[in-house]
Amino acid sequence: MLALGRGLMARPRVLLLDEPPLGLGPAISKDIFRIIPRLRDAGLTVIIAEQDLRRTLRIADFADVLENGGLVSSGKGKDLENDPDVRRIYLGLTGH
């Protein structure tokens, strides 16, 4: 949380977050994923590298899904969240 605050103090136009909830408790992790869309809505470009695909796709305008360093899927976050292959392979879900 401190690193995020320090980064925002510089008033960046682009913010790169590498696994933002790593090492944080569940409540703070939820807060992070609530704050990110607010930062985006305030005009900040936010790039996230994150393994929690479900939470990330829910807030992403655009996403790339990588596997073993290669691009396997790309598109709008909501479209990928609803993509049958992404749901089955990466989210462990079937159907809608």
N, C-alpha and C. Protein backbone atom coordinates (compact mmCIF):
# COMPACT_ATOMS: atom_id res chain seq x y z
N MET A 1 0.83 -1.19 0.00
CA MET A 1 0.00 0.00 0.00
C MET A 1 0.88 1.25 0.00
N LEU A 2 1.95 1.20 0.74
CA LEU A 2 2.85 2.34 0.79
C LEU A 2 3.48 2.59 -0.57
N ALA A 3 3.90 1.53 -1.25
CA ALA A 3 4.50 1.67 -2.58
C ALA A 3 3.50 2.28 -3.56
N LEU A 4 2.26 1.88 -3.48
CA LEU A 4 1.23 2.44 -4.36
C LEU A 4 1.05 3.93 -4.07
N GLY A 5 0.98 4.28 -2.82
CA GLY A 5 0.85 5.69 -2.44
C GLY A 5 2.04 6.52 -2.89
N ARG A 6 3.23 5.97 -2.71
CA ARG A 6 4.43 6.69 -3.14
C ARG A 6 4.43 6.89 -4.65
N GLY A 7 4.01 5.87 -5.39
CA GLY A 7 3.95 5.99 -6.85
C GLY A 7 2.97 7.05 -7.30
N LEU A 8 1.85 7.13 -6.61
CA LEU A 8 0.81 8.10 -6.98
C LEU A 8 1.19 9.54 -6.64
N MET A 9 2.09 9.70 -5.66
CA MET A 9 2.52 11.05 -5.28
C MET A 9 3.23 11.76 -6.43
N ALA A 10 3.82 11.01 -7.34
CA ALA A 10 4.54 11.60 -8.48
C ALA A 10 3.59 12.03 -9.58
N ARG A 11 2.29 11.78 -9.38
CA ARG A 11 1.26 12.12 -10.37
C ARG A 11 1.60 11.57 -11.77
N PRO A 12 1.77 10.25 -11.85
CA PRO A 12 2.13 9.66 -13.14
C PRO A 12 0.95 9.65 -14.10
N ARG A 13 1.23 9.50 -15.38
CA ARG A 13 0.16 9.33 -16.37
C ARG A 13 -0.10 7.84 -16.58
N VAL A 14 0.93 7.02 -16.30
CA VAL A 14 0.83 5.57 -16.43
C VAL A 14 1.35 4.94 -15.14
N LEU A 15 0.61 3.96 -14.63
CA LEU A 15 1.00 3.26 -13.42
C LEU A 15 1.07 1.77 -13.73
N LEU A 16 2.22 1.16 -13.52
CA LEU A 16 2.40 -0.27 -13.75
C LEU A 16 2.37 -0.97 -12.40
N LEU A 17 1.42 -1.89 -12.25
CA LEU A 17 1.27 -2.65 -11.00
C LEU A 17 1.58 -4.11 -11.26
N ASP A 18 2.58 -4.63 -10.57
CA ASP A 18 2.96 -6.04 -10.70
C ASP A 18 2.43 -6.78 -9.48
N GLU A 19 1.38 -7.56 -9.69
CA GLU A 19 0.72 -8.31 -8.63
C GLU A 19 0.43 -7.41 -7.42
N PRO A 20 -0.44 -6.42 -7.61
CA PRO A 20 -0.68 -5.44 -6.53
C PRO A 20 -1.14 -6.02 -5.20
N PRO A 21 -1.89 -7.12 -5.14
CA PRO A 21 -2.31 -7.58 -3.82
C PRO A 21 -1.29 -8.50 -3.14
N LEU A 22 -0.17 -8.77 -3.78
CA LEU A 22 0.82 -9.72 -3.24
C LEU A 22 1.26 -9.30 -1.84
N GLY A 23 1.12 -10.20 -0.90
CA GLY A 23 1.55 -9.96 0.47
C GLY A 23 0.55 -9.18 1.31
N LEU A 24 -0.58 -8.84 0.74
CA LEU A 24 -1.59 -8.09 1.48
C LEU A 24 -2.71 -9.02 1.93
N GLY A 25 -3.36 -8.68 2.99
CA GLY A 25 -4.50 -9.46 3.47
C GLY A 25 -5.68 -9.34 2.52
N PRO A 26 -6.67 -10.22 2.66
CA PRO A 26 -7.83 -10.21 1.76
C PRO A 26 -8.59 -8.90 1.73
N ALA A 27 -8.76 -8.25 2.85
CA ALA A 27 -9.52 -6.99 2.88
C ALA A 27 -8.79 -5.89 2.12
N ILE A 28 -7.50 -5.78 2.32
CA ILE A 28 -6.70 -4.76 1.63
C ILE A 28 -6.63 -5.09 0.14
N SER A 29 -6.54 -6.37 -0.18
CA SER A 29 -6.51 -6.80 -1.58
C SER A 29 -7.79 -6.37 -2.29
N LYS A 30 -8.94 -6.54 -1.62
CA LYS A 30 -10.22 -6.09 -2.20
C LYS A 30 -10.21 -4.58 -2.41
N ASP A 31 -9.65 -3.88 -1.45
CA ASP A 31 -9.56 -2.42 -1.57
C ASP A 31 -8.75 -2.01 -2.79
N ILE A 32 -7.65 -2.69 -3.01
CA ILE A 32 -6.79 -2.39 -4.17
C ILE A 32 -7.61 -2.50 -5.45
N PHE A 33 -8.37 -3.57 -5.59
CA PHE A 33 -9.15 -3.78 -6.80
C PHE A 33 -10.38 -2.87 -6.88
N ARG A 34 -10.72 -2.21 -5.79
CA ARG A 34 -11.75 -1.17 -5.83
C ARG A 34 -11.15 0.19 -6.21
N ILE A 35 -9.90 0.40 -5.82
CA ILE A 35 -9.22 1.67 -6.08
C ILE A 35 -8.79 1.78 -7.54
N ILE A 36 -8.34 0.69 -8.14
CA ILE A 36 -7.81 0.74 -9.50
C ILE A 36 -8.81 1.34 -10.50
N PRO A 37 -10.08 0.93 -10.53
CA PRO A 37 -11.01 1.57 -11.47
C PRO A 37 -11.19 3.07 -11.20
N ARG A 38 -11.10 3.47 -9.96
CA ARG A 38 -11.21 4.90 -9.64
C ARG A 38 -10.02 5.68 -10.19
N LEU A 39 -8.85 5.07 -10.13
CA LEU A 39 -7.66 5.71 -10.72
C LEU A 39 -7.83 5.84 -12.23
N ARG A 40 -8.32 4.78 -12.85
CA ARG A 40 -8.57 4.80 -14.30
C ARG A 40 -9.59 5.87 -14.64
N ASP A 41 -10.65 5.94 -13.89
CA ASP A 41 -11.70 6.92 -14.15
C ASP A 41 -11.21 8.36 -13.97
N ALA A 42 -10.15 8.52 -13.18
CA ALA A 42 -9.56 9.84 -12.96
C ALA A 42 -8.57 10.20 -14.07
N GLY A 43 -8.41 9.30 -15.06
CA GLY A 43 -7.56 9.60 -16.20
C GLY A 43 -6.20 8.94 -16.19
N LEU A 44 -5.93 8.10 -15.21
CA LEU A 44 -4.64 7.42 -15.11
C LEU A 44 -4.69 6.11 -15.90
N THR A 45 -3.70 5.87 -16.73
CA THR A 45 -3.58 4.58 -17.40
C THR A 45 -2.95 3.60 -16.42
N VAL A 46 -3.60 2.48 -16.17
CA VAL A 46 -3.11 1.49 -15.22
C VAL A 46 -2.86 0.18 -15.97
N ILE A 47 -1.63 -0.30 -15.86
CA ILE A 47 -1.26 -1.58 -16.46
C ILE A 47 -1.01 -2.54 -15.31
N ILE A 48 -1.68 -3.70 -15.36
CA ILE A 48 -1.59 -4.66 -14.25
C ILE A 48 -1.06 -5.99 -14.76
N ALA A 49 -0.03 -6.50 -14.09
CA ALA A 49 0.42 -7.88 -14.29
C ALA A 49 -0.07 -8.64 -13.06
N GLU A 50 -1.00 -9.57 -13.27
CA GLU A 50 -1.67 -10.20 -12.13
C GLU A 50 -2.08 -11.62 -12.49
N GLN A 51 -1.95 -12.54 -11.53
CA GLN A 51 -2.36 -13.92 -11.76
C GLN A 51 -3.83 -14.16 -11.45
N ASP A 52 -4.45 -13.30 -10.67
CA ASP A 52 -5.87 -13.46 -10.37
C ASP A 52 -6.66 -12.91 -11.55
N LEU A 53 -6.83 -13.76 -12.55
CA LEU A 53 -7.44 -13.35 -13.81
C LEU A 53 -8.88 -12.90 -13.63
N ARG A 54 -9.62 -13.57 -12.80
CA ARG A 54 -11.04 -13.24 -12.62
C ARG A 54 -11.22 -11.80 -12.14
N ARG A 55 -10.54 -11.44 -11.07
CA ARG A 55 -10.68 -10.07 -10.54
C ARG A 55 -10.14 -9.03 -11.52
N THR A 56 -9.06 -9.38 -12.19
CA THR A 56 -8.43 -8.43 -13.11
C THR A 56 -9.32 -8.19 -14.33
N LEU A 57 -9.89 -9.25 -14.89
CA LEU A 57 -10.75 -9.08 -16.06
C LEU A 57 -11.99 -8.25 -15.73
N ARG A 58 -12.47 -8.35 -14.52
CA ARG A 58 -13.67 -7.60 -14.13
C ARG A 58 -13.45 -6.09 -14.16
N ILE A 59 -12.21 -5.66 -13.98
CA ILE A 59 -11.95 -4.22 -13.95
C ILE A 59 -11.19 -3.73 -15.18
N ALA A 60 -10.76 -4.65 -16.04
CA ALA A 60 -9.92 -4.28 -17.18
C ALA A 60 -10.73 -3.77 -18.36
N ASP A 61 -10.28 -2.65 -18.92
CA ASP A 61 -10.85 -2.20 -20.19
C ASP A 61 -10.37 -3.12 -21.30
N PHE A 62 -9.10 -3.49 -21.25
CA PHE A 62 -8.47 -4.34 -22.26
C PHE A 62 -7.50 -5.26 -21.54
N ALA A 63 -7.39 -6.50 -22.02
CA ALA A 63 -6.50 -7.46 -21.36
C ALA A 63 -5.81 -8.37 -22.37
N ASP A 64 -4.62 -8.78 -22.01
CA ASP A 64 -3.89 -9.82 -22.72
C ASP A 64 -3.72 -10.97 -21.74
N VAL A 65 -4.04 -12.18 -22.16
CA VAL A 65 -3.85 -13.36 -21.33
C VAL A 65 -2.60 -14.06 -21.84
N LEU A 66 -1.62 -14.22 -20.94
CA LEU A 66 -0.35 -14.84 -21.30
C LEU A 66 -0.24 -16.20 -20.63
N GLU A 67 0.42 -17.11 -21.33
CA GLU A 67 0.72 -18.42 -20.76
C GLU A 67 2.12 -18.79 -21.21
N ASN A 68 2.99 -19.09 -20.26
CA ASN A 68 4.38 -19.43 -20.56
C ASN A 68 5.04 -18.38 -21.44
N GLY A 69 4.73 -17.12 -21.19
CA GLY A 69 5.35 -16.01 -21.91
C GLY A 69 4.75 -15.72 -23.27
N GLY A 70 3.74 -16.47 -23.67
CA GLY A 70 3.12 -16.25 -24.97
C GLY A 70 1.70 -15.75 -24.85
N LEU A 71 1.28 -14.95 -25.82
CA LEU A 71 -0.07 -14.40 -25.84
C LEU A 71 -1.05 -15.47 -26.30
N VAL A 72 -2.05 -15.76 -25.47
CA VAL A 72 -3.04 -16.78 -25.84
C VAL A 72 -4.42 -16.17 -26.11
N SER A 73 -4.67 -14.98 -25.60
CA SER A 73 -5.94 -14.33 -25.84
C SER A 73 -5.80 -12.85 -25.55
N SER A 74 -6.60 -12.06 -26.26
CA SER A 74 -6.51 -10.61 -26.11
C SER A 74 -7.88 -10.01 -26.42
N GLY A 75 -8.25 -8.96 -25.70
CA GLY A 75 -9.52 -8.30 -25.98
C GLY A 75 -10.01 -7.49 -24.79
N LYS A 76 -11.25 -7.06 -24.86
CA LYS A 76 -11.86 -6.33 -23.76
C LYS A 76 -11.99 -7.25 -22.56
N GLY A 77 -11.79 -6.70 -21.38
CA GLY A 77 -11.86 -7.50 -20.16
C GLY A 77 -13.15 -8.28 -20.02
N LYS A 78 -14.28 -7.61 -20.24
CA LYS A 78 -15.59 -8.29 -20.10
C LYS A 78 -15.75 -9.38 -21.14
N ASP A 79 -15.24 -9.14 -22.37
CA ASP A 79 -15.34 -10.17 -23.41
C ASP A 79 -14.53 -11.40 -23.04
N LEU A 80 -13.33 -11.19 -22.50
CA LEU A 80 -12.49 -12.33 -22.10
C LEU A 80 -13.08 -13.06 -20.90
N GLU A 81 -13.68 -12.30 -20.00
CA GLU A 81 -14.31 -12.93 -18.83
C GLU A 81 -15.44 -13.85 -19.26
N ASN A 82 -16.09 -13.52 -20.37
CA ASN A 82 -17.20 -14.33 -20.87
C ASN A 82 -16.79 -15.31 -21.97
N ASP A 83 -15.53 -15.28 -22.40
CA ASP A 83 -15.06 -16.18 -23.44
C ASP A 83 -15.05 -17.62 -22.90
N PRO A 84 -15.70 -18.56 -23.61
CA PRO A 84 -15.79 -19.93 -23.10
C PRO A 84 -14.44 -20.59 -22.85
N ASP A 85 -13.46 -20.36 -23.71
CA ASP A 85 -12.14 -20.97 -23.51
C ASP A 85 -11.43 -20.38 -22.31
N VAL A 86 -11.47 -19.08 -22.16
CA VAL A 86 -10.84 -18.43 -21.01
C VAL A 86 -11.53 -18.88 -19.73
N ARG A 87 -12.85 -18.93 -19.75
CA ARG A 87 -13.59 -19.37 -18.56
C ARG A 87 -13.22 -20.80 -18.17
N ARG A 88 -13.14 -21.68 -19.16
CA ARG A 88 -12.86 -23.09 -18.88
C ARG A 88 -11.40 -23.32 -18.47
N ILE A 89 -10.46 -22.77 -19.24
CA ILE A 89 -9.05 -23.07 -19.03
C ILE A 89 -8.44 -22.27 -17.88
N TYR A 90 -8.73 -20.97 -17.83
CA TYR A 90 -8.05 -20.10 -16.88
C TYR A 90 -8.86 -19.75 -15.65
N LEU A 91 -10.17 -19.81 -15.74
CA LEU A 91 -11.00 -19.48 -14.59
C LEU A 91 -11.63 -20.72 -13.95
N GLY A 92 -11.50 -21.86 -14.60
CA GLY A 92 -12.07 -23.10 -14.06
C GLY A 92 -13.58 -23.10 -14.03
N LEU A 93 -14.20 -22.35 -14.94
CA LEU A 93 -15.67 -22.24 -14.99
C LEU A 93 -16.19 -22.82 -16.27
N THR A 94 -17.44 -23.26 -16.24
CA THR A 94 -18.11 -23.69 -17.45
C THR A 94 -19.41 -22.95 -17.58
N GLY A 95 -19.88 -22.78 -18.80
CA GLY A 95 -21.14 -22.07 -19.03
C GLY A 95 -21.02 -20.60 -18.72
N HIS A 96 -22.14 -19.91 -18.63
CA HIS A 96 -22.16 -18.48 -18.30
C HIS A 96 -22.88 -18.33 -17.00
